């Protein structure tokens, strides 16, 4: 049976820190950071590598700043 592993890339300069991606992530992979981007927003950041490539964060982001790369992993 194959599973998927995801790699999340967030465009921190376009992120407005709304937190929607944080709320919908079932693996708690994303959190709002303590740093701000050049626009003054606390941006979302990947805090651990447990992404299962569910795509929830990509679908809910209103500014389409999240890119998800999937890799098939054999178990």
Protein backbone atom coordinates (compact mmCIF):
# COMPACT_ATOMS: atom_id res chain seq x y z
CA UNK A 1 0.00 0.00 0.00
CA UNK A 2 1.30 3.43 -0.92
CA UNK A 3 1.10 6.56 1.19
CA UNK A 4 1.92 10.12 0.29
CA UNK A 5 4.47 12.42 1.86
CA UNK A 6 4.11 16.12 1.31
CA UNK A 7 6.49 19.04 1.18
CA UNK A 8 4.87 22.41 1.82
CA UNK A 9 6.31 25.64 0.45
CA UNK A 10 4.80 28.91 1.66
CA UNK A 11 5.49 32.23 -0.07
CA UNK A 12 6.12 34.14 3.14
CA UNK A 13 6.15 37.54 1.43
CA UNK A 14 2.58 37.08 0.17
CA UNK A 15 1.20 35.35 3.30
CA UNK A 16 -1.08 37.59 5.39
CA UNK A 17 -1.09 35.31 8.43
CA UNK A 18 -4.83 34.60 8.44
CA UNK A 19 -4.20 31.22 10.12
CA UNK A 20 -6.71 29.23 8.08
CA UNK A 21 -4.04 26.74 7.02
CA UNK A 22 -3.05 26.23 10.65
CA UNK A 23 -6.63 25.40 11.61
CA UNK A 24 -7.23 22.81 8.86
CA UNK A 25 -3.93 20.90 9.08
CA UNK A 26 -4.68 17.49 10.65
CA UNK A 27 -0.98 16.85 11.34
CA UNK A 28 -0.27 20.27 12.92
CA UNK A 29 2.54 20.85 10.45
CA UNK A 30 1.89 24.59 9.99
CA UNK A 31 1.96 27.34 12.61
CA UNK A 32 2.02 31.12 12.61
CA UNK A 33 5.57 32.24 13.27
CA UNK A 34 7.01 34.96 15.47
CA UNK A 35 8.64 36.77 12.55
CA UNK A 36 6.99 39.24 10.21
CA UNK A 37 7.34 39.62 6.46
CA UNK A 38 8.08 42.93 4.73
CA UNK A 39 4.38 43.83 4.82
CA UNK A 40 4.26 43.42 8.61
CA UNK A 41 2.29 40.16 8.75
CA UNK A 42 3.12 37.21 11.00
CA UNK A 43 3.35 34.56 8.29
CA UNK A 44 2.58 30.83 8.36
CA UNK A 45 5.56 28.52 8.60
CA UNK A 46 6.20 24.78 8.35
CA UNK A 47 7.22 23.57 11.82
CA UNK A 48 7.63 19.83 11.25
CA UNK A 49 7.98 17.34 8.41
CA UNK A 50 4.91 15.14 9.04
CA UNK A 51 2.84 16.36 6.08
CA UNK A 52 0.60 13.67 4.58
CA UNK A 53 -0.22 15.72 1.46
CA UNK A 54 -3.92 16.05 2.31
CA UNK A 55 -4.06 19.42 0.46
CA UNK A 56 -6.30 21.07 3.08
CA UNK A 57 -3.93 24.01 3.46
CA UNK A 58 -3.71 24.59 -0.28
CA UNK A 59 -7.50 24.53 -0.71
CA UNK A 60 -8.25 26.91 2.17
CA UNK A 61 -5.56 29.57 1.52
CA UNK A 62 -7.37 32.70 0.26
CA UNK A 63 -4.20 34.17 -1.23
CA UNK A 64 -2.90 30.96 -2.89
CA UNK A 65 0.53 31.27 -1.29
CA UNK A 66 0.93 27.56 -0.46
CA UNK A 67 2.43 25.04 -2.86
CA UNK A 68 2.34 21.34 -2.02
CA UNK A 69 4.70 18.81 -3.54
CA UNK A 70 3.68 15.15 -3.21
CA UNK A 71 5.83 12.04 -3.21
CA UNK A 72 4.55 8.48 -3.15
CA UNK A 73 6.06 6.47 -0.31
CA UNK A 74 5.87 2.68 -0.16
CA UNK A 75 5.13 1.24 3.28
